[in-house]
């Protein structure tokens, strides 16, 4: 990229186009100089050796209520995803066991169960975050925090698809 910029400025100085596009040779009076300067206050760093096992400093996790529950904070999508995972599995299980659709489940006493589960999972999800634990701290190889996010997203989509399919069909899916 830099070479093309230098070359185009050099060619533009020697062969400018005048009038109908005919090249006219004009000698350049000054040489083109390119300088690169770094930050003066930054100290040179040496790359860590492969044998060094210095622990990486963990970033400080905010425990403020407004930071934890911010739009891009660690809590909202995780709580919604966990509720969707429980909701999707329980909706499909009850539908297979009793034959009731998701709307029938809600109208036949499902709202108190939903509110209780939502409160319980929300509190259980918020307690570690308010203690200062990061969402990645308990992440393993298979059960990682990213996998939980994706499972929650798919459960949210599955719950909406289940409700939409039952609405269009006019009854339970099974």
C-alpha atoms as a PDB file:
ATOM      1  CA  UNK A   1       0.000   0.000   0.000  1.00  0.00           C
ATOM      2  CA  UNK A   2       2.770   2.415   0.919  1.00  0.00           C
ATOM      3  CA  UNK A   3       4.748   1.457  -2.175  1.00  0.00           C
ATOM      4  CA  UNK A   4       1.796   2.154  -4.443  1.00  0.00           C
ATOM      5  CA  UNK A   5       1.246   5.543  -2.779  1.00  0.00           C
ATOM      6  CA  UNK A   6       4.903   6.457  -3.238  1.00  0.00           C
ATOM      7  CA  UNK A   7       4.950   5.206  -6.810  1.00  0.00           C
ATOM      8  CA  UNK A   8       1.764   7.038  -7.756  1.00  0.00           C
ATOM      9  CA  UNK A   9       3.011  10.290  -6.232  1.00  0.00           C
ATOM     10  CA  UNK A  10       6.342   9.865  -8.045  1.00  0.00           C
ATOM     11  CA  UNK A  11       4.655   9.160 -11.369  1.00  0.00           C
ATOM     12  CA  UNK A  12       2.197  11.994 -10.829  1.00  0.00           C
ATOM     13  CA  UNK A  13       5.116  14.374 -10.303  1.00  0.00           C
ATOM     14  CA  UNK A  14       6.913  13.303 -13.471  1.00  0.00           C
ATOM     15  CA  UNK A  15       4.014  12.764 -15.828  1.00  0.00           C
ATOM     16  CA  UNK A  16       1.042  15.000 -15.009  1.00  0.00           C
ATOM     17  CA  UNK A  17      -1.884  14.950 -17.413  1.00  0.00           C
ATOM     18  CA  UNK A  18      -2.767  18.266 -18.970  1.00  0.00           C
ATOM     19  CA  UNK A  19      -5.723  19.012 -21.221  1.00  0.00           C
ATOM     20  CA  UNK A  20      -6.945  15.959 -23.109  1.00  0.00           C
ATOM     21  CA  UNK A  21      -4.877  13.464 -21.191  1.00  0.00           C
ATOM     22  CA  UNK A  22      -1.586  13.837 -23.006  1.00  0.00           C
ATOM     23  CA  UNK A  23       1.364  13.209 -20.708  1.00  0.00           C
ATOM     24  CA  UNK A  24       3.736  16.117 -20.196  1.00  0.00           C
ATOM     25  CA  UNK A  25       7.120  15.499 -18.633  1.00  0.00           C
ATOM     26  CA  UNK A  26       7.820  17.801 -15.702  1.00  0.00           C
ATOM     27  CA  UNK A  27      10.931  17.173 -13.611  1.00  0.00           C
ATOM     28  CA  UNK A  28      10.480  16.878  -9.872  1.00  0.00           C
ATOM     29  CA  UNK A  29      12.330  19.511  -7.862  1.00  0.00           C
ATOM     30  CA  UNK A  30      12.301  17.842  -4.472  1.00  0.00           C
ATOM     31  CA  UNK A  31      12.859  14.262  -3.470  1.00  0.00           C
ATOM     32  CA  UNK A  32      10.021  12.463  -1.757  1.00  0.00           C
ATOM     33  CA  UNK A  33      10.779  11.715   1.897  1.00  0.00           C
ATOM     34  CA  UNK A  34       8.765   9.365   4.072  1.00  0.00           C
ATOM     35  CA  UNK A  35       9.251   9.312   7.825  1.00  0.00           C
ATOM     36  CA  UNK A  36       7.783   6.998  10.395  1.00  0.00           C
ATOM     37  CA  UNK A  37       7.782   7.949  14.063  1.00  0.00           C
ATOM     38  CA  UNK A  38       6.563   5.981  17.050  1.00  0.00           C
ATOM     39  CA  UNK A  39       5.432   7.110  20.471  1.00  0.00           C
ATOM     40  CA  UNK A  40       8.295   8.692  22.325  1.00  0.00           C
ATOM     41  CA  UNK A  41       7.062   7.755  25.801  1.00  0.00           C
ATOM     42  CA  UNK A  42       6.633   4.041  25.128  1.00  0.00           C
ATOM     43  CA  UNK A  43       9.508   1.863  26.255  1.00  0.00           C
ATOM     44  CA  UNK A  44      10.770  -0.891  23.961  1.00  0.00           C
ATOM     45  CA  UNK A  45       9.376  -4.235  24.948  1.00  0.00           C
ATOM     46  CA  UNK A  46      10.980  -7.599  24.593  1.00  0.00           C
ATOM     47  CA  UNK A  47       8.872 -10.590  23.653  1.00  0.00           C
ATOM     48  CA  UNK A  48       8.371 -13.090  26.482  1.00  0.00           C
ATOM     49  CA  UNK A  49      10.505 -16.164  26.319  1.00  0.00           C
ATOM     50  CA  UNK A  50       8.709 -19.461  25.724  1.00  0.00           C
ATOM     51  CA  UNK A  51      10.011 -20.825  29.034  1.00  0.00           C
ATOM     52  CA  UNK A  52       8.610 -17.991  31.151  1.00  0.00           C
ATOM     53  CA  UNK A  53       5.465 -18.907  33.039  1.00  0.00           C
ATOM     54  CA  UNK A  54       4.516 -15.525  34.401  1.00  0.00           C
ATOM     55  CA  UNK A  55       0.780 -15.393  35.123  1.00  0.00           C
ATOM     56  CA  UNK A  56      -1.205 -13.051  32.943  1.00  0.00           C
ATOM     57  CA  UNK A  57      -2.921 -10.323  34.941  1.00  0.00           C
ATOM     58  CA  UNK A  58      -6.692 -10.788  34.828  1.00  0.00           C
ATOM     59  CA  UNK A  59      -8.669  -7.662  33.952  1.00  0.00           C
ATOM     60  CA  UNK A  60     -10.665  -6.203  36.797  1.00  0.00           C
ATOM     61  CA  UNK A  61     -14.303  -7.217  36.496  1.00  0.00           C
ATOM     62  CA  UNK A  62     -16.786  -4.516  37.423  1.00  0.00           C
ATOM     63  CA  UNK A  63     -19.385  -5.443  40.037  1.00  0.00           C
ATOM     64  CA  UNK A  64     -21.519  -2.338  39.587  1.00  0.00           C
ATOM     65  CA  UNK A  65     -25.197  -3.091  38.969  1.00  0.00           C
ATOM     66  CA  UNK A  66     -25.265  -0.834  35.899  1.00  0.00           C
ATOM     67  CA  UNK A  67     -22.186  -2.542  34.396  1.00  0.00           C
ATOM     68  CA  UNK A  68     -23.357  -6.101  35.033  1.00  0.00           C
ATOM     69  CA  UNK A  69     -26.825  -5.468  33.576  1.00  0.00           C
ATOM     70  CA  UNK A  70     -25.704  -3.108  30.797  1.00  0.00           C
ATOM     71  CA  UNK A  71     -26.856  -3.820  27.247  1.00  0.00           C
ATOM     72  CA  UNK A  72     -23.484  -5.339  26.357  1.00  0.00           C
ATOM     73  CA  UNK A  73     -22.776  -6.541  29.898  1.00  0.00           C
ATOM     74  CA  UNK A  74     -22.216 -10.134  30.941  1.00  0.00           C
ATOM     75  CA  UNK A  75     -25.653 -10.802  32.470  1.00  0.00           C
ATOM     76  CA  UNK A  76     -28.580 -10.051  30.118  1.00  0.00           C
ATOM     77  CA  UNK A  77     -27.866 -12.439  27.257  1.00  0.00           C
ATOM     78  CA  UNK A  78     -26.688 -15.203  29.581  1.00  0.00           C
ATOM     79  CA  UNK A  79     -29.782 -14.992  31.782  1.00  0.00           C
ATOM     80  CA  UNK A  80     -32.101 -14.903  28.752  1.00  0.00           C
ATOM     81  CA  UNK A  81     -30.217 -17.813  27.199  1.00  0.00           C
ATOM     82  CA  UNK A  82     -30.393 -19.906  30.360  1.00  0.00           C
ATOM     83  CA  UNK A  83     -34.109 -19.219  30.703  1.00  0.00           C
ATOM     84  CA  UNK A  84     -34.645 -20.097  27.036  1.00  0.00           C
ATOM     85  CA  UNK A  85     -32.732 -23.377  27.413  1.00  0.00           C
ATOM     86  CA  UNK A  86     -34.841 -24.404  30.413  1.00  0.00           C
ATOM     87  CA  UNK A  87     -38.025 -23.156  28.747  1.00  0.00           C
ATOM     88  CA  UNK A  88     -37.437 -24.931  25.445  1.00  0.00           C
ATOM     89  CA  UNK A  89     -36.580 -28.269  27.035  1.00  0.00           C
ATOM     90  CA  UNK A  90     -39.499 -28.109  29.486  1.00  0.00           C
ATOM     91  CA  UNK A  91     -41.967 -26.990  26.786  1.00  0.00           C
ATOM     92  CA  UNK A  92     -40.997 -29.866  24.510  1.00  0.00           C
ATOM     93  CA  UNK A  93     -40.996 -32.363  27.406  1.00  0.00           C
ATOM     94  CA  UNK A  94     -44.472 -31.355  28.610  1.00  0.00           C
ATOM     95  CA  UNK A  95     -45.726 -31.359  25.036  1.00  0.00           C
ATOM     96  CA  UNK A  96     -44.450 -34.906  24.532  1.00  0.00           C
ATOM     97  CA  UNK A  97     -45.775 -36.100  27.910  1.00  0.00           C
ATOM     98  CA  UNK A  98     -49.209 -34.459  27.975  1.00  0.00           C
ATOM     99  CA  UNK A  99     -49.803 -33.337  24.401  1.00  0.00           C
ATOM    100  CA  UNK A 100     -50.395 -29.700  25.400  1.00  0.00           C
ATOM    101  CA  UNK A 101     -49.021 -26.931  23.222  1.00  0.00           C
ATOM    102  CA  UNK A 102     -46.923 -24.094  24.593  1.00  0.00           C
ATOM    103  CA  UNK A 103     -49.891 -21.708  24.780  1.00  0.00           C
ATOM    104  CA  UNK A 104     -51.983 -24.309  26.606  1.00  0.00           C
ATOM    105  CA  UNK A 105     -49.117 -24.881  29.043  1.00  0.00           C
ATOM    106  CA  UNK A 106     -48.990 -21.161  29.863  1.00  0.00           C
ATOM    107  CA  UNK A 107     -52.763 -20.866  30.260  1.00  0.00           C
ATOM    108  CA  UNK A 108     -53.008 -23.963  32.478  1.00  0.00           C
ATOM    109  CA  UNK A 109     -50.856 -22.654  35.321  1.00  0.00           C
ATOM    110  CA  UNK A 110     -47.498 -22.213  33.612  1.00  0.00           C
ATOM    111  CA  UNK A 111     -47.078 -18.514  34.413  1.00  0.00           C
ATOM    112  CA  UNK A 112     -46.250 -18.987  38.133  1.00  0.00           C
ATOM    113  CA  UNK A 113     -43.703 -21.666  37.213  1.00  0.00           C
ATOM    114  CA  UNK A 114     -42.191 -19.314  34.641  1.00  0.00           C
ATOM    115  CA  UNK A 115     -41.940 -16.441  37.127  1.00  0.00           C
ATOM    116  CA  UNK A 116     -40.411 -18.671  39.814  1.00  0.00           C
ATOM    117  CA  UNK A 117     -37.860 -20.136  37.374  1.00  0.00           C
ATOM    118  CA  UNK A 118     -37.003 -16.711  35.965  1.00  0.00           C
ATOM    119  CA  UNK A 119     -36.399 -15.251  39.434  1.00  0.00           C
ATOM    120  CA  UNK A 120     -34.371 -18.260  40.611  1.00  0.00           C
ATOM    121  CA  UNK A 121     -32.120 -18.427  37.529  1.00  0.00           C
ATOM    122  CA  UNK A 122     -31.651 -14.654  37.442  1.00  0.00           C
ATOM    123  CA  UNK A 123     -30.478 -14.525  41.048  1.00  0.00           C
ATOM    124  CA  UNK A 124     -28.286 -17.598  40.578  1.00  0.00           C
ATOM    125  CA  UNK A 125     -26.696 -16.002  37.507  1.00  0.00           C
ATOM    126  CA  UNK A 126     -26.156 -12.595  39.114  1.00  0.00           C
ATOM    127  CA  UNK A 127     -24.577 -13.711  42.416  1.00  0.00           C
ATOM    128  CA  UNK A 128     -21.207 -14.803  40.926  1.00  0.00           C
ATOM    129  CA  UNK A 129     -21.053 -11.668  38.772  1.00  0.00           C
ATOM    130  CA  UNK A 130     -21.600  -9.414  41.791  1.00  0.00           C
ATOM    131  CA  UNK A 131     -18.830 -11.298  43.631  1.00  0.00           C
ATOM    132  CA  UNK A 132     -16.400 -10.262  40.892  1.00  0.00           C
ATOM    133  CA  UNK A 133     -16.082 -13.531  38.977  1.00  0.00           C
ATOM    134  CA  UNK A 134     -15.771 -13.230  35.233  1.00  0.00           C
ATOM    135  CA  UNK A 135     -17.978 -15.255  32.932  1.00  0.00           C
ATOM    136  CA  UNK A 136     -14.904 -16.970  31.501  1.00  0.00           C
ATOM    137  CA  UNK A 137     -13.514 -18.074  34.887  1.00  0.00           C
ATOM    138  CA  UNK A 138     -15.466 -21.351  35.054  1.00  0.00           C
ATOM    139  CA  UNK A 139     -15.169 -22.031  31.364  1.00  0.00           C
ATOM    140  CA  UNK A 140     -13.841 -25.453  30.409  1.00  0.00           C
ATOM    141  CA  UNK A 141     -12.850 -27.068  27.144  1.00  0.00           C
ATOM    142  CA  UNK A 142     -16.263 -28.475  26.237  1.00  0.00           C
ATOM    143  CA  UNK A 143     -18.581 -26.469  28.470  1.00  0.00           C
ATOM    144  CA  UNK A 144     -17.229 -23.031  27.601  1.00  0.00           C
ATOM    145  CA  UNK A 145     -18.849 -19.651  28.084  1.00  0.00           C
ATOM    146  CA  UNK A 146     -19.075 -19.197  24.312  1.00  0.00           C
ATOM    147  CA  UNK A 147     -20.820 -22.553  23.926  1.00  0.00           C
ATOM    148  CA  UNK A 148     -23.329 -21.500  26.585  1.00  0.00           C
ATOM    149  CA  UNK A 149     -24.040 -18.284  24.681  1.00  0.00           C
ATOM    150  CA  UNK A 150     -24.598 -20.157  21.416  1.00  0.00           C
ATOM    151  CA  UNK A 151     -26.778 -22.798  23.080  1.00  0.00           C
ATOM    152  CA  UNK A 152     -28.840 -20.017  24.642  1.00  0.00           C
ATOM    153  CA  UNK A 153     -29.209 -18.244  21.302  1.00  0.00           C
ATOM    154  CA  UNK A 154     -30.369 -21.425  19.598  1.00  0.00           C
ATOM    155  CA  UNK A 155     -32.772 -22.136  22.475  1.00  0.00           C
ATOM    156  CA  UNK A 156     -34.255 -18.647  22.093  1.00  0.00           C
ATOM    157  CA  UNK A 157     -34.748 -19.278  18.382  1.00  0.00           C
ATOM    158  CA  UNK A 158     -36.158 -22.748  19.086  1.00  0.00           C
ATOM    159  CA  UNK A 159     -38.673 -21.420  21.603  1.00  0.00           C
ATOM    160  CA  UNK A 160     -39.886 -18.754  19.190  1.00  0.00           C
ATOM    161  CA  UNK A 161     -40.017 -21.284  16.329  1.00  0.00           C
ATOM    162  CA  UNK A 162     -41.991 -23.715  18.518  1.00  0.00           C
ATOM    163  CA  UNK A 163     -44.520 -21.034  19.452  1.00  0.00           C
ATOM    164  CA  UNK A 164     -44.804 -19.802  15.850  1.00  0.00           C
ATOM    165  CA  UNK A 165     -45.226 -23.320  14.469  1.00  0.00           C
ATOM    166  CA  UNK A 166     -47.941 -24.114  17.004  1.00  0.00           C
ATOM    167  CA  UNK A 167     -49.692 -20.823  16.208  1.00  0.00           C
ATOM    168  CA  UNK A 168     -49.634 -21.462  12.448  1.00  0.00           C
ATOM    169  CA  UNK A 169     -50.613 -25.131  12.860  1.00  0.00           C
ATOM    170  CA  UNK A 170     -53.369 -24.288  15.320  1.00  0.00           C
ATOM    171  CA  UNK A 171     -52.358 -26.870  17.919  1.00  0.00           C
ATOM    172  CA  UNK A 172     -49.452 -28.683  19.517  1.00  0.00           C
ATOM    173  CA  UNK A 173     -46.509 -29.696  17.378  1.00  0.00           C
ATOM    174  CA  UNK A 174     -46.724 -33.388  18.342  1.00  0.00           C
END
